[in-house]
Amino acid sequence: SFSDSASRVGRASAFREFLGEGSVVFRPGGPKDAQDIYAIDNFQGNEISWKAHYVDVSRDGDLGLSAGPLIVIGDEDNPDQWGHLVSIWRKQEVNWQLMADIVVTIPGVLSLEVEPNFEDTRPVIGETANPAVVSDAAHTLQDLIDADNLFGLSINFRGGQRALLRYGLENARVYLPGMAPAVGAEAASSVYGAYLDSQLFTTNPITLSYVGGYLSTSKEMGYTYGTMATSGDEADQGFQTSYLRLWRFTNSNEWKIAVEMLAPY
């Protein structure tokens, strides 16, 4: 419905219709208040079109994720661009509202002829703790934030590949600029490590800055977002990226990453 609305009434109007309170989009400098950006009457931005092919939802049905191919529609001077759109949703009262929206671009062409396939999500649900385990854990949003910060520290200590192997699900998905989604622990950790290695030209550690997140009412799914950056000098600002991260609580009583997305700036 969101994508159809964008086609009918335009990008800005569709976003204003679906955005939730406290929603964010990712721009240079990090996460920005989405309602502030799309509220202005003279919003400037290319029209977009997309379809979801991967979906996930919490047990209570109050938190969800959708991901799929996107096209940024160009004009005579600028060609079309393609990428992957990943969105976080919260159900508030009876309506799903958009809480976070991140685009990972690729240098190629993607087909929008896709449909959601729940079979892709079943393995993730299989790794998720059953209700009894979640109930006994009695964790809070702060526990999720602590896991987020620990993952940032682990990147510095272990490197990106080993960090994601340790803190990612066996069926983790990674969305990085310039490439297709990497699915499964081996593929996801390999491309994640290689990507970070290619960006981090110094030994400066990554500083993770958590900005926001949410824990589902069933407490087995949550998301976090913020920035990761290294320090640099005046000539080199270092590595800077926004991140959006979906987590699942597992039967081993720990949070693990289900979906990882980076949007450098």
C-alpha atoms as a PDB file:
ATOM      1  CA  SER A   1       0.000   0.000   0.000  1.00  0.00           C
ATOM      2  CA  PHE A   2       2.891   2.354   0.785  1.00  0.00           C
ATOM      3  CA  SER A   3       4.515   1.751  -2.589  1.00  0.00           C
ATOM      4  CA  ASP A   4       1.190   2.044  -4.411  1.00  0.00           C
ATOM      5  CA  SER A   5       0.517   5.319  -2.613  1.00  0.00           C
ATOM      6  CA  ALA A   6       3.899   6.674  -3.717  1.00  0.00           C
ATOM      7  CA  SER A   7       3.012   5.843  -7.326  1.00  0.00           C
ATOM      8  CA  ARG A   8      -0.382   7.552  -7.054  1.00  0.00           C
ATOM      9  CA  VAL A   9       0.308  10.687  -5.032  1.00  0.00           C
ATOM     10  CA  GLY A  10       4.095  10.985  -5.013  1.00  0.00           C
ATOM     11  CA  ARG A  11       6.876  10.195  -2.601  1.00  0.00           C
ATOM     12  CA  ALA A  12       6.425  13.034  -0.118  1.00  0.00           C
ATOM     13  CA  SER A  13       2.664  12.558   0.273  1.00  0.00           C
ATOM     14  CA  ALA A  14       3.051   8.803   0.720  1.00  0.00           C
ATOM     15  CA  PHE A  15       5.665   9.241   3.415  1.00  0.00           C
ATOM     16  CA  ARG A  16       3.530  11.777   5.249  1.00  0.00           C
ATOM     17  CA  GLU A  17       0.672   9.270   5.188  1.00  0.00           C
ATOM     18  CA  PHE A  18       2.652   6.316   6.575  1.00  0.00           C
ATOM     19  CA  LEU A  19       5.312   7.839   8.854  1.00  0.00           C
ATOM     20  CA  GLY A  20       5.011   7.156  12.572  1.00  0.00           C
ATOM     21  CA  GLU A  21       5.911   9.435  15.461  1.00  0.00           C
ATOM     22  CA  GLY A  22       9.673   9.375  15.998  1.00  0.00           C
ATOM     23  CA  SER A  23      10.415   7.832  12.579  1.00  0.00           C
ATOM     24  CA  VAL A  24      13.836   8.281  10.995  1.00  0.00           C
ATOM     25  CA  VAL A  25      15.488   8.239   7.587  1.00  0.00           C
ATOM     26  CA  PHE A  26      19.220   8.080   6.946  1.00  0.00           C
ATOM     27  CA  ARG A  27      21.013  11.019   5.412  1.00  0.00           C
ATOM     28  CA  PRO A  28      24.564  12.474   5.474  1.00  0.00           C
ATOM     29  CA  GLY A  29      25.423  12.952   9.117  1.00  0.00           C
ATOM     30  CA  GLY A  30      23.309  10.049  10.327  1.00  0.00           C
ATOM     31  CA  PRO A  31      19.656   9.379  11.192  1.00  0.00           C
ATOM     32  CA  LYS A  32      17.291  12.314  10.715  1.00  0.00           C
ATOM     33  CA  ASP A  33      13.723  12.970  11.843  1.00  0.00           C
ATOM     34  CA  ALA A  34      11.663  11.716   8.897  1.00  0.00           C
ATOM     35  CA  GLN A  35       8.600  13.818   9.660  1.00  0.00           C
ATOM     36  CA  ASP A  36      10.686  16.993   9.616  1.00  0.00           C
ATOM     37  CA  ILE A  37      12.163  16.089   6.230  1.00  0.00           C
ATOM     38  CA  TYR A  38       8.894  15.161   4.538  1.00  0.00           C
ATOM     39  CA  ALA A  39       6.715  17.816   6.206  1.00  0.00           C
ATOM     40  CA  ILE A  40       7.979  20.682   4.066  1.00  0.00           C
ATOM     41  CA  ASP A  41       5.731  21.603   1.150  1.00  0.00           C
ATOM     42  CA  ASN A  42       8.600  22.006  -1.311  1.00  0.00           C
ATOM     43  CA  PHE A  43      10.279  18.672  -0.560  1.00  0.00           C
ATOM     44  CA  GLN A  44      12.895  17.974  -3.228  1.00  0.00           C
ATOM     45  CA  GLY A  45      13.604  14.353  -4.043  1.00  0.00           C
ATOM     46  CA  ASN A  46      13.347  11.882  -6.890  1.00  0.00           C
ATOM     47  CA  GLU A  47      10.285   9.697  -7.073  1.00  0.00           C
ATOM     48  CA  ILE A  48      10.882   6.071  -6.085  1.00  0.00           C
ATOM     49  CA  SER A  49       9.238   2.709  -6.653  1.00  0.00           C
ATOM     50  CA  TRP A  50       9.882  -0.558  -4.827  1.00  0.00           C
ATOM     51  CA  LYS A  51       8.587  -4.006  -3.880  1.00  0.00           C
ATOM     52  CA  ALA A  52       9.167  -6.146  -0.798  1.00  0.00           C
ATOM     53  CA  HIS A  53      10.472  -9.704  -1.117  1.00  0.00           C
ATOM     54  CA  TYR A  54      11.672 -10.363   2.445  1.00  0.00           C
ATOM     55  CA  VAL A  55       9.431  -9.793   5.480  1.00  0.00           C
ATOM     56  CA  ASP A  56       9.713 -10.499   9.189  1.00  0.00           C
ATOM     57  CA  VAL A  57       7.385  -9.776  12.095  1.00  0.00           C
ATOM     58  CA  SER A  58       7.440 -10.101  15.870  1.00  0.00           C
ATOM     59  CA  ARG A  59       5.393 -12.710  17.693  1.00  0.00           C
ATOM     60  CA  ASP A  60       2.995 -10.066  19.056  1.00  0.00           C
ATOM     61  CA  GLY A  61       2.668  -8.503  15.617  1.00  0.00           C
ATOM     62  CA  ASP A  62       3.731  -5.026  16.736  1.00  0.00           C
ATOM     63  CA  LEU A  63       7.114  -4.842  14.972  1.00  0.00           C
ATOM     64  CA  GLY A  64       8.087  -5.804  11.439  1.00  0.00           C
ATOM     65  CA  LEU A  65      10.644  -5.446   8.675  1.00  0.00           C
ATOM     66  CA  SER A  66      10.262  -5.392   4.894  1.00  0.00           C
ATOM     67  CA  ALA A  67      13.050  -5.402   2.313  1.00  0.00           C
ATOM     68  CA  GLY A  68      13.214  -5.456  -1.440  1.00  0.00           C
ATOM     69  CA  PRO A  69      14.428  -3.859  -4.674  1.00  0.00           C
ATOM     70  CA  LEU A  70      14.003  -0.140  -5.279  1.00  0.00           C
ATOM     71  CA  ILE A  71      14.378   2.181  -8.243  1.00  0.00           C
ATOM     72  CA  VAL A  72      15.117   5.889  -7.893  1.00  0.00           C
ATOM     73  CA  ILE A  73      13.510   7.400 -10.962  1.00  0.00           C
ATOM     74  CA  GLY A  74      15.827   9.754 -12.825  1.00  0.00           C
ATOM     75  CA  ASP A  75      15.311  12.392 -15.474  1.00  0.00           C
ATOM     76  CA  GLU A  76      16.917  13.522 -18.733  1.00  0.00           C
ATOM     77  CA  ASP A  77      20.112  14.537 -16.964  1.00  0.00           C
ATOM     78  CA  ASN A  78      20.295  11.780 -14.347  1.00  0.00           C
ATOM     79  CA  PRO A  79      19.752   8.089 -15.080  1.00  0.00           C
ATOM     80  CA  ASP A  80      17.675   5.787 -12.924  1.00  0.00           C
ATOM     81  CA  GLN A  81      19.413   4.253  -9.915  1.00  0.00           C
ATOM     82  CA  TRP A  82      18.737   0.941  -8.223  1.00  0.00           C
ATOM     83  CA  GLY A  83      19.189  -0.384  -4.748  1.00  0.00           C
ATOM     84  CA  HIS A  84      17.574  -2.184  -1.830  1.00  0.00           C
ATOM     85  CA  LEU A  85      15.040  -0.537   0.467  1.00  0.00           C
ATOM     86  CA  VAL A  86      14.789  -1.833   4.029  1.00  0.00           C
ATOM     87  CA  SER A  87      11.969  -0.546   6.222  1.00  0.00           C
ATOM     88  CA  ILE A  88      11.096  -1.000   9.891  1.00  0.00           C
ATOM     89  CA  TRP A  89       7.415  -0.923  10.825  1.00  0.00           C
ATOM     90  CA  ARG A  90       5.465  -0.654  14.080  1.00  0.00           C
ATOM     91  CA  LYS A  91       1.785  -1.402  14.460  1.00  0.00           C
ATOM     92  CA  GLN A  92       0.220   1.359  16.528  1.00  0.00           C
ATOM     93  CA  GLU A  93      -3.428   0.716  17.315  1.00  0.00           C
ATOM     94  CA  VAL A  94      -4.642  -0.864  14.036  1.00  0.00           C
ATOM     95  CA  ASN A  95      -2.267   0.628  11.478  1.00  0.00           C
ATOM     96  CA  TRP A  96       1.293  -0.215  10.472  1.00  0.00           C
ATOM     97  CA  GLN A  97       3.457   2.910  10.603  1.00  0.00           C
ATOM     98  CA  LEU A  98       6.889   3.382   9.067  1.00  0.00           C
ATOM     99  CA  MET A  99       9.585   3.928  11.718  1.00  0.00           C
ATOM    100  CA  ALA A 100      12.865   3.660   9.804  1.00  0.00           C
ATOM    101  CA  ASP A 101      13.786   3.628   6.126  1.00  0.00           C
ATOM    102  CA  ILE A 102      17.264   2.945   4.734  1.00  0.00           C
ATOM    103  CA  VAL A 103      18.458   2.588   1.125  1.00  0.00           C
ATOM    104  CA  VAL A 104      21.525   0.616   0.032  1.00  0.00           C
ATOM    105  CA  THR A 105      22.447   1.458  -3.557  1.00  0.00           C
ATOM    106  CA  ILE A 106      24.006  -0.840  -6.175  1.00  0.00           C
ATOM    107  CA  PRO A 107      25.680  -0.154  -9.541  1.00  0.00           C
ATOM    108  CA  GLY A 108      23.288  -2.178 -11.623  1.00  0.00           C
ATOM    109  CA  VAL A 109      19.691  -2.958 -12.516  1.00  0.00           C
ATOM    110  CA  LEU A 110      17.151  -4.766 -10.343  1.00  0.00           C
ATOM    111  CA  SER A 111      13.789  -6.212 -11.288  1.00  0.00           C
ATOM    112  CA  LEU A 112      10.773  -5.179  -9.239  1.00  0.00           C
ATOM    113  CA  GLU A 113       8.970  -8.361 -10.241  1.00  0.00           C
ATOM    114  CA  VAL A 114       9.212  -9.959  -6.791  1.00  0.00           C
ATOM    115  CA  GLU A 115       6.765 -11.155  -4.172  1.00  0.00           C
ATOM    116  CA  PRO A 116       7.211 -11.740  -0.420  1.00  0.00           C
ATOM    117  CA  ASN A 117       8.269 -15.293   0.385  1.00  0.00           C
ATOM    118  CA  PHE A 118       7.620 -16.344   3.963  1.00  0.00           C
ATOM    119  CA  GLU A 119       9.803 -19.433   3.475  1.00  0.00           C
ATOM    120  CA  ASP A 120      12.812 -17.071   3.668  1.00  0.00           C
ATOM    121  CA  THR A 121      11.716 -16.021   7.152  1.00  0.00           C
ATOM    122  CA  ARG A 122      10.967 -19.449   8.649  1.00  0.00           C
ATOM    123  CA  PRO A 123      14.645 -20.288   9.383  1.00  0.00           C
ATOM    124  CA  VAL A 124      14.975 -17.028  11.326  1.00  0.00           C
ATOM    125  CA  ILE A 125      11.899 -17.833  13.371  1.00  0.00           C
ATOM    126  CA  GLY A 126      13.414 -21.257  13.965  1.00  0.00           C
ATOM    127  CA  GLU A 127      16.440 -19.605  15.593  1.00  0.00           C
ATOM    128  CA  THR A 128      14.263 -17.387  17.787  1.00  0.00           C
ATOM    129  CA  ALA A 129      13.638 -18.229  21.439  1.00  0.00           C
ATOM    130  CA  ASN A 130      10.308 -19.820  22.268  1.00  0.00           C
ATOM    131  CA  PRO A 131       7.895 -17.795  24.452  1.00  0.00           C
ATOM    132  CA  ALA A 132       8.887 -19.599  27.661  1.00  0.00           C
ATOM    133  CA  VAL A 133      12.556 -18.724  27.241  1.00  0.00           C
ATOM    134  CA  VAL A 134      11.740 -15.100  26.417  1.00  0.00           C
ATOM    135  CA  SER A 135       9.435 -14.861  29.432  1.00  0.00           C
ATOM    136  CA  ASP A 136      12.088 -16.222  31.776  1.00  0.00           C
ATOM    137  CA  ALA A 137      14.694 -13.778  30.418  1.00  0.00           C
ATOM    138  CA  ALA A 138      12.631 -10.713  31.415  1.00  0.00           C
ATOM    139  CA  HIS A 139      14.924  -8.456  29.383  1.00  0.00           C
ATOM    140  CA  THR A 140      14.476  -4.779  28.567  1.00  0.00           C
ATOM    141  CA  LEU A 141      15.345  -2.334  25.801  1.00  0.00           C
ATOM    142  CA  GLN A 142      18.527  -1.566  27.728  1.00  0.00           C
ATOM    143  CA  ASP A 143      19.626  -5.183  27.252  1.00  0.00           C
ATOM    144  CA  LEU A 144      19.204  -4.704  23.506  1.00  0.00           C
ATOM    145  CA  ILE A 145      21.191  -1.465  23.626  1.00  0.00           C
ATOM    146  CA  ASP A 146      23.935  -3.255  25.567  1.00  0.00           C
ATOM    147  CA  ALA A 147      24.066  -5.942  22.855  1.00  0.00           C
ATOM    148  CA  ASP A 148      24.303  -3.223  20.213  1.00  0.00           C
ATOM    149  CA  ASN A 149      27.237  -1.564  21.972  1.00  0.00           C
ATOM    150  CA  LEU A 150      28.927  -4.922  22.570  1.00  0.00           C
ATOM    151  CA  PHE A 151      28.773  -5.692  18.857  1.00  0.00           C
ATOM    152  CA  GLY A 152      30.532  -2.383  18.121  1.00  0.00           C
ATOM    153  CA  LEU A 153      33.286  -3.270  20.589  1.00  0.00           C
ATOM    154  CA  SER A 154      33.547  -6.736  19.073  1.00  0.00           C
ATOM    155  CA  ILE A 155      34.242  -5.271  15.616  1.00  0.00           C
ATOM    156  CA  ASN A 156      37.294  -3.547  17.073  1.00  0.00           C
ATOM    157  CA  PHE A 157      38.427  -6.636  18.949  1.00  0.00           C
ATOM    158  CA  ARG A 158      37.619  -9.403  16.452  1.00  0.00           C
ATOM    159  CA  GLY A 159      37.186  -7.641  13.116  1.00  0.00           C
ATOM    160  CA  GLY A 160      33.915  -7.402  11.200  1.00  0.00           C
ATOM    161  CA  GLN A 161      33.821 -10.991   9.952  1.00  0.00           C
ATOM    162  CA  ARG A 162      34.383 -12.680  13.290  1.00  0.00           C
ATOM    163  CA  ALA A 163      32.142 -10.195  15.094  1.00  0.00           C
ATOM    164  CA  LEU A 164      29.196 -10.993  12.843  1.00  0.00           C
ATOM    165  CA  LEU A 165      29.881 -14.729  13.074  1.00  0.00           C
ATOM    166  CA  ARG A 166      29.720 -14.399  16.854  1.00  0.00           C
ATOM    167  CA  TYR A 167      26.724 -12.081  17.121  1.00  0.00           C
ATOM    168  CA  GLY A 168      24.747 -12.898  13.970  1.00  0.00           C
ATOM    169  CA  LEU A 169      22.123 -15.560  13.407  1.00  0.00           C
ATOM    170  CA  GLU A 170      22.931 -18.557  11.243  1.00  0.00           C
ATOM    171  CA  ASN A 171      20.419 -17.050   8.800  1.00  0.00           C
ATOM    172  CA  ALA A 172      21.567 -13.436   9.140  1.00  0.00           C
ATOM    173  CA  ARG A 173      21.138 -11.061   6.201  1.00  0.00           C
ATOM    174  CA  VAL A 174      23.510  -8.198   5.369  1.00  0.00           C
ATOM    175  CA  TYR A 175      22.793  -5.234   3.080  1.00  0.00           C
ATOM    176  CA  LEU A 176      25.870  -3.284   1.987  1.00  0.00           C
ATOM    177  CA  PRO A 177      26.453  -0.685  -0.750  1.00  0.00           C
ATOM    178  CA  GLY A 178      27.302  -2.018  -4.169  1.00  0.00           C
ATOM    179  CA  MET A 179      26.268  -5.635  -3.689  1.00  0.00           C
ATOM    180  CA  ALA A 180      23.354  -8.003  -3.431  1.00  0.00           C
ATOM    181  CA  PRO A 181      22.072  -9.025   0.009  1.00  0.00           C
ATOM    182  CA  ALA A 182      24.330 -11.627   1.628  1.00  0.00           C
ATOM    183  CA  VAL A 183      22.286 -14.351   3.324  1.00  0.00           C
ATOM    184  CA  GLY A 184      23.564 -16.934   5.800  1.00  0.00           C
ATOM    185  CA  ALA A 185      26.301 -16.682   8.421  1.00  0.00           C
ATOM    186  CA  GLU A 186      29.191 -17.611   6.151  1.00  0.00           C
ATOM    187  CA  ALA A 187      28.299 -15.294   3.259  1.00  0.00           C
ATOM    188  CA  ALA A 188      27.073 -12.433   5.449  1.00  0.00           C
ATOM    189  CA  SER A 189      30.116 -12.402   7.737  1.00  0.00           C
ATOM    190  CA  SER A 190      32.535 -12.735   4.819  1.00  0.00           C
ATOM    191  CA  VAL A 191      31.211  -9.735   2.883  1.00  0.00           C
ATOM    192  CA  TYR A 192      30.746  -7.715   6.073  1.00  0.00           C
ATOM    193  CA  GLY A 193      34.347  -8.253   7.110  1.00  0.00           C
ATOM    194  CA  ALA A 194      35.682  -7.577   3.614  1.00  0.00           C
ATOM    195  CA  TYR A 195      33.632  -4.392   3.319  1.00  0.00           C
ATOM    196  CA  LEU A 196      34.806  -2.989   6.638  1.00  0.00           C
ATOM    197  CA  ASP A 197      38.405  -3.974   5.863  1.00  0.00           C
ATOM    198  CA  SER A 198      38.196  -2.040   2.597  1.00  0.00           C
ATOM    199  CA  GLN A 199      36.932   1.063   4.406  1.00  0.00           C
ATOM    200  CA  LEU A 200      39.122   1.107   7.491  1.00  0.00           C
ATOM    201  CA  PHE A 201      42.521   2.245   6.241  1.00  0.00           C
ATOM    202  CA  THR A 202      43.802   3.090   9.726  1.00  0.00           C
ATOM    203  CA  THR A 203      44.040   1.333  13.055  1.00  0.00           C
ATOM    204  CA  ASN A 204      41.641   3.816  14.628  1.00  0.00           C
ATOM    205  CA  PRO A 205      38.861   1.970  16.433  1.00  0.00           C
ATOM    206  CA  ILE A 206      35.234   2.242  15.412  1.00  0.00           C
ATOM    207  CA  THR A 207      33.048   4.253  17.765  1.00  0.00           C
ATOM    208  CA  LEU A 208      29.447   3.060  17.790  1.00  0.00           C
ATOM    209  CA  SER A 209      26.889   5.698  18.751  1.00  0.00           C
ATOM    210  CA  TYR A 210      23.444   4.271  19.478  1.00  0.00           C
ATOM    211  CA  VAL A 211      20.673   6.737  18.622  1.00  0.00           C
ATOM    212  CA  GLY A 212      17.394   4.841  18.986  1.00  0.00           C
ATOM    213  CA  GLY A 213      15.588   1.539  18.972  1.00  0.00           C
ATOM    214  CA  TYR A 214      12.544  -0.427  20.038  1.00  0.00           C
ATOM    215  CA  LEU A 215      11.806  -3.733  21.754  1.00  0.00           C
ATOM    216  CA  SER A 216       8.684  -5.604  20.658  1.00  0.00           C
ATOM    217  CA  THR A 217       6.079  -6.269  23.315  1.00  0.00           C
ATOM    218  CA  SER A 218       6.745 -10.009  22.912  1.00  0.00           C
ATOM    219  CA  LYS A 219      10.417  -9.200  23.630  1.00  0.00           C
ATOM    220  CA  GLU A 220      11.925 -11.571  21.077  1.00  0.00           C
ATOM    221  CA  MET A 221      12.505  -8.952  18.358  1.00  0.00           C
ATOM    222  CA  GLY A 222      13.930  -5.454  18.418  1.00  0.00           C
ATOM    223  CA  TYR A 223      15.805  -2.958  16.301  1.00  0.00           C
ATOM    224  CA  THR A 224      18.565  -0.436  16.896  1.00  0.00           C
ATOM    225  CA  TYR A 225      20.027   2.340  14.782  1.00  0.00           C
ATOM    226  CA  GLY A 226      22.784   4.904  15.002  1.00  0.00           C
ATOM    227  CA  THR A 227      26.226   5.629  13.566  1.00  0.00           C
ATOM    228  CA  MET A 228      29.632   3.974  13.484  1.00  0.00           C
ATOM    229  CA  ALA A 229      32.706   6.051  12.763  1.00  0.00           C
ATOM    230  CA  THR A 230      36.467   6.245  13.041  1.00  0.00           C
ATOM    231  CA  SER A 231      38.296   9.452  13.861  1.00  0.00           C
ATOM    232  CA  GLY A 232      40.337  11.237  11.191  1.00  0.00           C
ATOM    233  CA  ASP A 233      42.313  14.395  10.633  1.00  0.00           C
ATOM    234  CA  GLU A 234      41.239  17.550   8.781  1.00  0.00           C
ATOM    235  CA  ALA A 235      42.107  16.022   5.408  1.00  0.00           C
ATOM    236  CA  ASP A 236      40.532  12.652   6.139  1.00  0.00           C
ATOM    237  CA  GLN A 237      37.298  12.566   8.102  1.00  0.00           C
ATOM    238  CA  GLY A 238      37.600   8.825   8.596  1.00  0.00           C
ATOM    239  CA  PHE A 239      34.953   6.180   8.019  1.00  0.00           C
ATOM    240  CA  GLN A 240      31.355   7.205   8.799  1.00  0.00           C
ATOM    241  CA  THR A 241      28.241   5.118   8.351  1.00  0.00           C
ATOM    242  CA  SER A 242      24.701   4.911   9.621  1.00  0.00           C
ATOM    243  CA  TYR A 243      23.507   1.487  10.683  1.00  0.00           C
ATOM    244  CA  LEU A 244      20.090  -0.111  11.056  1.00  0.00           C
ATOM    245  CA  ARG A 245      20.039  -3.465  12.839  1.00  0.00           C
ATOM    246  CA  LEU A 246      17.245  -5.997  13.432  1.00  0.00           C
ATOM    247  CA  TRP A 247      17.760  -8.396  16.351  1.00  0.00           C
ATOM    248  CA  ARG A 248      16.230 -11.693  17.465  1.00  0.00           C
ATOM    249  CA  PHE A 249      16.454 -13.164  20.974  1.00  0.00           C
ATOM    250  CA  THR A 250      17.619 -16.791  20.845  1.00  0.00           C
ATOM    251  CA  ASN A 251      17.250 -19.916  22.977  1.00  0.00           C
ATOM    252  CA  SER A 252      20.834 -19.348  24.163  1.00  0.00           C
ATOM    253  CA  ASN A 253      19.512 -16.312  26.067  1.00  0.00           C
ATOM    254  CA  GLU A 254      21.274 -13.701  23.950  1.00  0.00           C
ATOM    255  CA  TRP A 255      20.435 -11.168  21.292  1.00  0.00           C
ATOM    256  CA  LYS A 256      21.712 -11.938  17.797  1.00  0.00           C
ATOM    257  CA  ILE A 257      21.595  -9.924  14.582  1.00  0.00           C
ATOM    258  CA  ALA A 258      18.995 -10.974  12.028  1.00  0.00           C
ATOM    259  CA  VAL A 259      19.481  -8.128   9.517  1.00  0.00           C
ATOM    260  CA  GLU A 260      22.385  -5.655   9.289  1.00  0.00           C
ATOM    261  CA  MET A 261      22.388  -2.585   7.043  1.00  0.00           C
ATOM    262  CA  LEU A 262      25.071   0.078   6.542  1.00  0.00           C
ATOM    263  CA  ALA A 263      24.646   3.405   4.740  1.00  0.00           C
ATOM    264  CA  PRO A 264      28.009   5.234   4.633  1.00  0.00           C
ATOM    265  CA  TYR A 265      28.110   9.016   4.284  1.00  0.00           C
END
